[in-house]
N, C-alpha and C. Protein backbone atom coordinates (compact mmCIF):
# COMPACT_ATOMS: atom_id res chain seq x y z
N MET A 1 0.16 53.54 -15.94
CA MET A 1 0.13 52.50 -14.94
C MET A 1 0.77 51.21 -15.43
N SER A 2 0.79 51.04 -16.71
CA SER A 2 1.37 49.80 -17.23
C SER A 2 2.90 49.85 -17.19
N GLU A 3 3.48 51.02 -17.04
CA GLU A 3 4.94 51.14 -17.02
C GLU A 3 5.58 50.43 -15.82
N PRO A 4 5.11 50.62 -14.56
CA PRO A 4 5.71 49.88 -13.45
C PRO A 4 5.54 48.37 -13.60
N ALA A 5 4.40 47.94 -14.11
CA ALA A 5 4.19 46.52 -14.32
C ALA A 5 5.19 45.98 -15.32
N ALA A 6 5.48 46.75 -16.36
CA ALA A 6 6.46 46.33 -17.36
C ALA A 6 7.84 46.23 -16.73
N ARG A 7 8.17 47.18 -15.85
CA ARG A 7 9.47 47.12 -15.18
C ARG A 7 9.57 45.89 -14.29
N THR A 8 8.49 45.61 -13.57
CA THR A 8 8.49 44.46 -12.67
C THR A 8 8.66 43.17 -13.46
N SER A 9 7.92 43.03 -14.56
CA SER A 9 8.03 41.80 -15.33
C SER A 9 9.39 41.72 -16.02
N ALA A 10 9.93 42.84 -16.43
CA ALA A 10 11.26 42.82 -17.04
C ALA A 10 12.31 42.45 -15.99
N ALA A 11 12.18 42.97 -14.79
CA ALA A 11 13.12 42.64 -13.73
C ALA A 11 12.99 41.16 -13.35
N GLY A 12 11.75 40.68 -13.29
CA GLY A 12 11.53 39.26 -13.00
C GLY A 12 12.11 38.38 -14.08
N GLY A 13 11.97 38.81 -15.34
CA GLY A 13 12.53 38.05 -16.45
C GLY A 13 14.05 38.05 -16.40
N THR A 14 14.63 39.19 -16.04
CA THR A 14 16.08 39.28 -15.93
C THR A 14 16.59 38.40 -14.79
N ALA A 15 15.88 38.42 -13.67
CA ALA A 15 16.28 37.57 -12.53
C ALA A 15 16.18 36.10 -12.90
N ARG A 16 15.11 35.74 -13.61
CA ARG A 16 14.92 34.35 -14.03
C ARG A 16 16.03 33.94 -15.00
N ALA A 17 16.36 34.83 -15.93
CA ALA A 17 17.42 34.53 -16.90
C ALA A 17 18.77 34.37 -16.18
N GLY A 18 19.00 35.20 -15.16
CA GLY A 18 20.23 35.09 -14.39
C GLY A 18 20.31 33.79 -13.64
N ARG A 19 19.20 33.35 -13.06
CA ARG A 19 19.18 32.08 -12.33
C ARG A 19 19.42 30.91 -13.28
N ILE A 20 18.80 30.97 -14.45
CA ILE A 20 19.00 29.90 -15.43
C ILE A 20 20.46 29.87 -15.88
N ARG A 21 21.05 31.04 -16.08
CA ARG A 21 22.44 31.12 -16.48
C ARG A 21 23.36 30.55 -15.37
N ARG A 22 23.03 30.88 -14.12
CA ARG A 22 23.84 30.37 -13.00
C ARG A 22 23.71 28.86 -12.86
N LEU A 23 22.55 28.31 -13.18
CA LEU A 23 22.33 26.86 -13.04
C LEU A 23 22.75 26.08 -14.28
N ALA A 24 23.24 26.76 -15.30
CA ALA A 24 23.63 26.07 -16.54
C ALA A 24 24.74 25.05 -16.28
N GLY A 25 25.73 25.40 -15.49
CA GLY A 25 26.83 24.47 -15.19
C GLY A 25 26.36 23.23 -14.46
N PRO A 26 25.67 23.41 -13.32
CA PRO A 26 25.19 22.22 -12.61
C PRO A 26 24.22 21.37 -13.44
N LEU A 27 23.37 22.01 -14.22
CA LEU A 27 22.43 21.23 -15.02
C LEU A 27 23.14 20.48 -16.15
N THR A 28 24.17 21.09 -16.73
CA THR A 28 24.95 20.40 -17.75
C THR A 28 25.67 19.20 -17.14
N ALA A 29 26.22 19.38 -15.94
CA ALA A 29 26.88 18.26 -15.26
C ALA A 29 25.87 17.16 -14.94
N LEU A 30 24.66 17.53 -14.55
CA LEU A 30 23.62 16.54 -14.26
C LEU A 30 23.28 15.74 -15.52
N VAL A 31 23.10 16.42 -16.63
CA VAL A 31 22.78 15.74 -17.89
C VAL A 31 23.91 14.78 -18.27
N ALA A 32 25.16 15.22 -18.12
CA ALA A 32 26.29 14.35 -18.45
C ALA A 32 26.33 13.13 -17.54
N GLY A 33 26.12 13.33 -16.24
CA GLY A 33 26.12 12.21 -15.30
C GLY A 33 24.99 11.23 -15.56
N VAL A 34 23.80 11.76 -15.81
CA VAL A 34 22.65 10.89 -16.11
C VAL A 34 22.90 10.13 -17.41
N ALA A 35 23.48 10.79 -18.40
CA ALA A 35 23.78 10.11 -19.67
C ALA A 35 24.79 8.99 -19.46
N ALA A 36 25.81 9.24 -18.65
CA ALA A 36 26.82 8.20 -18.39
C ALA A 36 26.19 7.01 -17.67
N PHE A 37 25.39 7.27 -16.65
CA PHE A 37 24.75 6.17 -15.93
C PHE A 37 23.73 5.46 -16.82
N ALA A 38 23.05 6.20 -17.70
CA ALA A 38 22.09 5.57 -18.62
C ALA A 38 22.82 4.66 -19.60
N CYS A 39 23.97 5.09 -20.08
CA CYS A 39 24.75 4.27 -21.01
C CYS A 39 25.20 2.98 -20.34
N VAL A 40 25.75 3.10 -19.14
CA VAL A 40 26.20 1.90 -18.42
C VAL A 40 25.00 1.06 -18.00
N GLY A 41 23.88 1.71 -17.70
CA GLY A 41 22.68 0.98 -17.34
C GLY A 41 22.09 0.21 -18.51
N ALA A 42 22.28 0.74 -19.73
CA ALA A 42 21.72 0.09 -20.92
C ALA A 42 22.58 -1.08 -21.39
N VAL A 43 23.89 -1.01 -21.16
CA VAL A 43 24.80 -2.05 -21.64
C VAL A 43 25.40 -2.73 -20.42
N ASP A 44 25.02 -3.96 -20.17
CA ASP A 44 25.44 -4.70 -18.98
C ASP A 44 26.93 -5.02 -19.02
N PRO A 45 27.69 -4.50 -18.05
CA PRO A 45 29.13 -4.79 -18.03
C PRO A 45 29.46 -6.23 -17.66
N ALA A 46 28.50 -6.97 -17.13
CA ALA A 46 28.75 -8.37 -16.78
C ALA A 46 28.78 -9.26 -18.02
N GLU A 47 28.22 -8.78 -19.12
CA GLU A 47 28.26 -9.54 -20.37
C GLU A 47 29.60 -9.30 -21.06
N PRO A 48 30.30 -10.35 -21.46
CA PRO A 48 31.62 -10.17 -22.09
C PRO A 48 31.51 -9.47 -23.44
N GLY A 49 32.56 -8.69 -23.74
CA GLY A 49 32.65 -8.06 -25.04
C GLY A 49 32.16 -6.63 -25.12
N HIS A 50 31.45 -6.15 -24.09
CA HIS A 50 30.93 -4.79 -24.16
C HIS A 50 31.94 -3.75 -23.69
N TYR A 51 32.72 -4.09 -22.70
CA TYR A 51 33.71 -3.17 -22.14
C TYR A 51 35.05 -3.87 -22.10
N PRO A 52 36.15 -3.11 -22.14
CA PRO A 52 37.46 -3.77 -22.05
C PRO A 52 37.71 -4.38 -20.68
N VAL A 53 38.58 -5.37 -20.65
CA VAL A 53 38.94 -6.05 -19.42
C VAL A 53 39.94 -5.18 -18.66
N CYS A 54 39.89 -5.21 -17.34
CA CYS A 54 40.85 -4.47 -16.53
C CYS A 54 42.25 -5.03 -16.80
N PRO A 55 43.19 -4.21 -17.24
CA PRO A 55 44.51 -4.74 -17.54
C PRO A 55 45.24 -5.30 -16.31
N LEU A 56 45.08 -4.67 -15.15
CA LEU A 56 45.75 -5.17 -13.95
C LEU A 56 45.21 -6.55 -13.58
N LEU A 57 43.90 -6.70 -13.61
CA LEU A 57 43.29 -8.00 -13.30
C LEU A 57 43.70 -9.04 -14.33
N HIS A 58 43.70 -8.65 -15.57
CA HIS A 58 44.05 -9.58 -16.65
C HIS A 58 45.50 -10.05 -16.56
N LEU A 59 46.41 -9.15 -16.24
CA LEU A 59 47.83 -9.48 -16.23
C LEU A 59 48.31 -10.09 -14.91
N THR A 60 47.71 -9.67 -13.79
CA THR A 60 48.23 -10.11 -12.49
C THR A 60 47.24 -10.93 -11.67
N GLY A 61 45.96 -10.82 -11.98
CA GLY A 61 44.94 -11.48 -11.17
C GLY A 61 44.56 -10.68 -9.94
N LEU A 62 45.10 -9.47 -9.80
CA LEU A 62 44.78 -8.59 -8.67
C LEU A 62 43.69 -7.61 -9.06
N TYR A 63 42.82 -7.33 -8.11
CA TYR A 63 41.74 -6.36 -8.36
C TYR A 63 42.25 -4.95 -8.08
N CYS A 64 42.07 -4.06 -9.04
CA CYS A 64 42.44 -2.66 -8.84
C CYS A 64 41.31 -1.97 -8.09
N PRO A 65 41.49 -0.73 -7.64
CA PRO A 65 40.42 -0.06 -6.90
C PRO A 65 39.18 0.20 -7.74
N ALA A 66 39.34 0.20 -9.07
CA ALA A 66 38.19 0.47 -9.93
C ALA A 66 37.48 -0.79 -10.41
N CYS A 67 38.07 -1.97 -10.18
CA CYS A 67 37.44 -3.20 -10.63
C CYS A 67 36.03 -3.32 -10.03
N GLY A 68 35.07 -3.56 -10.88
CA GLY A 68 33.68 -3.64 -10.44
C GLY A 68 32.97 -2.31 -10.49
N GLY A 69 33.68 -1.25 -10.87
CA GLY A 69 33.07 0.07 -10.90
C GLY A 69 31.94 0.19 -11.92
N LEU A 70 32.12 -0.41 -13.10
CA LEU A 70 31.06 -0.37 -14.10
C LEU A 70 29.86 -1.21 -13.67
N ARG A 71 30.12 -2.36 -13.07
CA ARG A 71 29.01 -3.18 -12.56
C ARG A 71 28.28 -2.44 -11.44
N SER A 72 29.04 -1.69 -10.65
CA SER A 72 28.46 -0.89 -9.59
C SER A 72 27.56 0.21 -10.17
N ALA A 73 28.07 0.89 -11.19
CA ALA A 73 27.27 1.94 -11.84
C ALA A 73 26.02 1.34 -12.50
N HIS A 74 26.16 0.15 -13.08
CA HIS A 74 25.01 -0.53 -13.68
C HIS A 74 23.95 -0.83 -12.62
N ALA A 75 24.40 -1.30 -11.46
CA ALA A 75 23.46 -1.59 -10.38
C ALA A 75 22.80 -0.32 -9.85
N VAL A 76 23.55 0.76 -9.75
CA VAL A 76 22.97 2.05 -9.32
C VAL A 76 21.92 2.49 -10.34
N ALA A 77 22.24 2.36 -11.62
CA ALA A 77 21.30 2.77 -12.66
C ALA A 77 20.00 1.95 -12.62
N HIS A 78 20.10 0.73 -12.11
CA HIS A 78 18.92 -0.12 -12.00
C HIS A 78 18.30 -0.11 -10.61
N GLY A 79 18.80 0.78 -9.75
CA GLY A 79 18.21 0.95 -8.42
C GLY A 79 18.48 -0.19 -7.47
N ASP A 80 19.64 -0.81 -7.57
CA ASP A 80 20.00 -1.94 -6.71
C ASP A 80 21.23 -1.58 -5.88
N PRO A 81 21.04 -0.86 -4.76
CA PRO A 81 22.20 -0.42 -3.97
C PRO A 81 23.01 -1.56 -3.36
N ALA A 82 22.37 -2.66 -3.01
CA ALA A 82 23.10 -3.79 -2.43
C ALA A 82 24.07 -4.38 -3.46
N ALA A 83 23.62 -4.56 -4.68
CA ALA A 83 24.50 -5.07 -5.73
C ALA A 83 25.60 -4.07 -6.05
N ALA A 84 25.28 -2.79 -6.00
CA ALA A 84 26.27 -1.75 -6.26
C ALA A 84 27.37 -1.79 -5.21
N LEU A 85 26.99 -1.91 -3.95
CA LEU A 85 27.99 -2.00 -2.88
C LEU A 85 28.82 -3.27 -3.00
N GLY A 86 28.19 -4.35 -3.40
CA GLY A 86 28.91 -5.61 -3.57
C GLY A 86 29.90 -5.57 -4.72
N ALA A 87 29.58 -4.80 -5.75
CA ALA A 87 30.48 -4.71 -6.91
C ALA A 87 31.69 -3.84 -6.62
N ASN A 88 31.47 -2.68 -6.01
CA ASN A 88 32.59 -1.79 -5.66
C ASN A 88 32.10 -0.74 -4.67
N ALA A 89 32.34 -0.99 -3.41
CA ALA A 89 31.89 -0.08 -2.35
C ALA A 89 32.56 1.28 -2.44
N LEU A 90 33.81 1.31 -2.86
CA LEU A 90 34.51 2.59 -2.99
C LEU A 90 33.90 3.44 -4.09
N ALA A 91 33.49 2.82 -5.17
CA ALA A 91 32.85 3.56 -6.26
C ALA A 91 31.51 4.13 -5.79
N VAL A 92 30.76 3.36 -5.01
CA VAL A 92 29.47 3.86 -4.50
C VAL A 92 29.71 5.07 -3.60
N ALA A 93 30.76 5.02 -2.78
CA ALA A 93 31.10 6.17 -1.95
C ALA A 93 31.46 7.37 -2.83
N GLY A 94 32.15 7.11 -3.93
CA GLY A 94 32.48 8.18 -4.87
C GLY A 94 31.24 8.76 -5.54
N TYR A 95 30.29 7.90 -5.89
CA TYR A 95 29.03 8.40 -6.49
C TYR A 95 28.30 9.28 -5.48
N ALA A 96 28.25 8.84 -4.23
CA ALA A 96 27.56 9.61 -3.19
C ALA A 96 28.26 10.95 -2.96
N ALA A 97 29.59 10.95 -2.91
CA ALA A 97 30.33 12.20 -2.74
C ALA A 97 30.10 13.12 -3.92
N GLY A 98 30.08 12.58 -5.12
CA GLY A 98 29.81 13.39 -6.31
C GLY A 98 28.41 13.99 -6.27
N ALA A 99 27.43 13.21 -5.85
CA ALA A 99 26.06 13.72 -5.76
C ALA A 99 25.95 14.82 -4.71
N LEU A 100 26.64 14.65 -3.59
CA LEU A 100 26.63 15.67 -2.55
C LEU A 100 27.27 16.97 -3.04
N LEU A 101 28.43 16.86 -3.69
CA LEU A 101 29.09 18.05 -4.21
C LEU A 101 28.22 18.73 -5.27
N TRP A 102 27.56 17.93 -6.11
CA TRP A 102 26.68 18.49 -7.13
C TRP A 102 25.52 19.26 -6.47
N ALA A 103 24.95 18.68 -5.42
CA ALA A 103 23.84 19.36 -4.72
C ALA A 103 24.31 20.67 -4.11
N LEU A 104 25.49 20.68 -3.50
CA LEU A 104 26.03 21.92 -2.95
C LEU A 104 26.25 22.95 -4.05
N TRP A 105 26.75 22.51 -5.18
CA TRP A 105 26.96 23.39 -6.32
C TRP A 105 25.64 24.00 -6.77
N CYS A 106 24.59 23.18 -6.85
CA CYS A 106 23.26 23.68 -7.26
C CYS A 106 22.73 24.73 -6.29
N VAL A 107 22.82 24.44 -5.00
CA VAL A 107 22.31 25.37 -3.99
C VAL A 107 23.05 26.69 -4.09
N ARG A 108 24.35 26.64 -4.18
CA ARG A 108 25.13 27.88 -4.25
C ARG A 108 24.86 28.62 -5.54
N ALA A 109 24.71 27.90 -6.64
CA ALA A 109 24.42 28.55 -7.92
C ALA A 109 23.04 29.20 -7.88
N ALA A 110 22.06 28.53 -7.30
CA ALA A 110 20.72 29.09 -7.22
C ALA A 110 20.68 30.35 -6.36
N ARG A 111 21.53 30.38 -5.33
CA ARG A 111 21.60 31.57 -4.46
C ARG A 111 22.47 32.67 -5.03
N GLY A 112 23.15 32.38 -6.13
CA GLY A 112 24.02 33.38 -6.74
C GLY A 112 25.40 33.46 -6.12
N VAL A 113 25.77 32.46 -5.36
CA VAL A 113 27.10 32.43 -4.73
C VAL A 113 28.06 31.74 -5.68
N ARG A 114 29.12 32.43 -6.02
CA ARG A 114 30.11 31.84 -6.92
C ARG A 114 30.91 30.79 -6.15
N TRP A 115 31.01 29.58 -6.73
CA TRP A 115 31.69 28.48 -6.07
C TRP A 115 32.45 27.69 -7.10
N SER A 116 33.72 27.50 -6.87
CA SER A 116 34.53 26.74 -7.83
C SER A 116 34.78 25.32 -7.32
N GLY A 117 34.05 24.91 -6.31
CA GLY A 117 34.18 23.55 -5.81
C GLY A 117 35.03 23.49 -4.55
N PRO A 118 35.19 22.29 -4.03
CA PRO A 118 35.98 22.16 -2.80
C PRO A 118 37.45 22.44 -3.09
N ARG A 119 38.15 22.85 -2.09
CA ARG A 119 39.59 23.13 -2.21
C ARG A 119 40.36 22.18 -1.28
N PRO A 120 40.57 20.95 -1.76
CA PRO A 120 41.26 19.98 -0.91
C PRO A 120 42.72 20.37 -0.70
N ARG A 121 43.18 20.10 0.50
CA ARG A 121 44.59 20.33 0.83
C ARG A 121 45.36 19.04 0.60
N ALA A 122 46.66 19.12 0.77
CA ALA A 122 47.51 17.95 0.54
C ALA A 122 47.10 16.79 1.45
N VAL A 123 46.73 17.09 2.68
CA VAL A 123 46.34 16.02 3.61
C VAL A 123 45.11 15.28 3.11
N HIS A 124 44.19 15.98 2.45
CA HIS A 124 43.01 15.32 1.90
C HIS A 124 43.39 14.35 0.77
N TRP A 125 44.30 14.79 -0.09
CA TRP A 125 44.74 13.92 -1.19
C TRP A 125 45.47 12.70 -0.65
N TRP A 126 46.31 12.90 0.38
CA TRP A 126 47.01 11.78 0.98
C TRP A 126 46.02 10.80 1.64
N ALA A 127 45.02 11.33 2.30
CA ALA A 127 44.00 10.48 2.94
C ALA A 127 43.23 9.69 1.90
N LEU A 128 42.87 10.34 0.80
CA LEU A 128 42.16 9.65 -0.27
C LEU A 128 43.04 8.56 -0.88
N GLY A 129 44.31 8.87 -1.08
CA GLY A 129 45.24 7.86 -1.61
C GLY A 129 45.42 6.69 -0.65
N ALA A 130 45.51 6.99 0.64
CA ALA A 130 45.66 5.92 1.64
C ALA A 130 44.40 5.06 1.69
N LEU A 131 43.23 5.68 1.63
CA LEU A 131 41.98 4.93 1.62
C LEU A 131 41.89 4.03 0.40
N THR A 132 42.25 4.56 -0.75
CA THR A 132 42.21 3.79 -1.99
C THR A 132 43.20 2.63 -1.93
N ALA A 133 44.39 2.90 -1.42
CA ALA A 133 45.40 1.83 -1.30
C ALA A 133 44.94 0.76 -0.32
N ALA A 134 44.39 1.18 0.81
CA ALA A 134 43.91 0.21 1.80
C ALA A 134 42.77 -0.63 1.22
N PHE A 135 41.86 -0.01 0.50
CA PHE A 135 40.76 -0.72 -0.14
C PHE A 135 41.31 -1.76 -1.13
N THR A 136 42.31 -1.35 -1.90
CA THR A 136 42.90 -2.25 -2.89
C THR A 136 43.59 -3.43 -2.23
N VAL A 137 44.36 -3.18 -1.19
CA VAL A 137 45.07 -4.26 -0.50
C VAL A 137 44.09 -5.21 0.17
N VAL A 138 43.12 -4.67 0.89
CA VAL A 138 42.17 -5.51 1.62
C VAL A 138 41.35 -6.37 0.67
N ARG A 139 40.91 -5.81 -0.46
CA ARG A 139 40.07 -6.61 -1.37
C ARG A 139 40.85 -7.72 -2.04
N ASN A 140 42.18 -7.65 -2.02
CA ASN A 140 43.00 -8.70 -2.61
C ASN A 140 43.52 -9.71 -1.59
N LEU A 141 43.16 -9.54 -0.32
CA LEU A 141 43.54 -10.49 0.73
C LEU A 141 42.38 -11.45 0.99
N PRO A 142 42.65 -12.65 1.49
CA PRO A 142 41.59 -13.63 1.71
C PRO A 142 40.44 -13.12 2.59
N PHE A 143 40.73 -12.37 3.64
CA PHE A 143 39.65 -11.90 4.51
C PHE A 143 38.86 -10.75 3.89
N GLY A 144 39.32 -10.20 2.78
CA GLY A 144 38.61 -9.11 2.11
C GLY A 144 37.79 -9.57 0.93
N SER A 145 37.48 -10.86 0.90
CA SER A 145 36.75 -11.39 -0.26
C SER A 145 35.37 -10.78 -0.42
N GLY A 146 34.84 -10.18 0.63
CA GLY A 146 33.54 -9.51 0.51
C GLY A 146 33.60 -8.25 -0.32
N LEU A 147 34.80 -7.74 -0.56
CA LEU A 147 34.98 -6.52 -1.38
C LEU A 147 35.30 -6.83 -2.83
N VAL A 148 35.39 -8.11 -3.17
CA VAL A 148 35.70 -8.53 -4.53
C VAL A 148 34.42 -8.48 -5.36
N PRO A 149 34.50 -7.91 -6.57
CA PRO A 149 33.28 -7.85 -7.40
C PRO A 149 32.84 -9.22 -7.90
C-alpha cells in the first residue's frame, strides 16, 4: 500500500521541481530588478557625486528622455509615485510596462507555457521612438516644464 503513496509523492515532487525550474527565470529577473531599485533607493541620485551627470544635459542644457530616471527610480523605491512621475513620467511608464510583462511571464511560466516575451513589430518600435522623441521635445519646450525633473 505504501507503493502508490510513494509514486504520488514522487510525482508531486517532480511537478514541484518542474514548476520551480520554470519560475527560475522570472524569479531571477525579479531579484535583479529589486536589487537595482534597492541600490538606487539606498543612494540618493539628487545628492551630487553619486552618479555621473547626463552628458547631453551637461553639454547642451537639454533634457534627454532618461534625465530624471534615477530620481524616478529612487522615488519608486521609497513609495512616492507622485515624485516618481514628476522626475520622469516616461520612466514610470517603462517601470509599469516592465512589471506587467514580468507578471505575464510569471503566469505563463507557472502554467508551463513557454514564452519568449512580446514580439514587437516595426510599427511598435517606430511608435515607441516617436513617443520618446515627442516626450523629449515637449519637456524641453517652455510649456513642457512640468515634465522637467
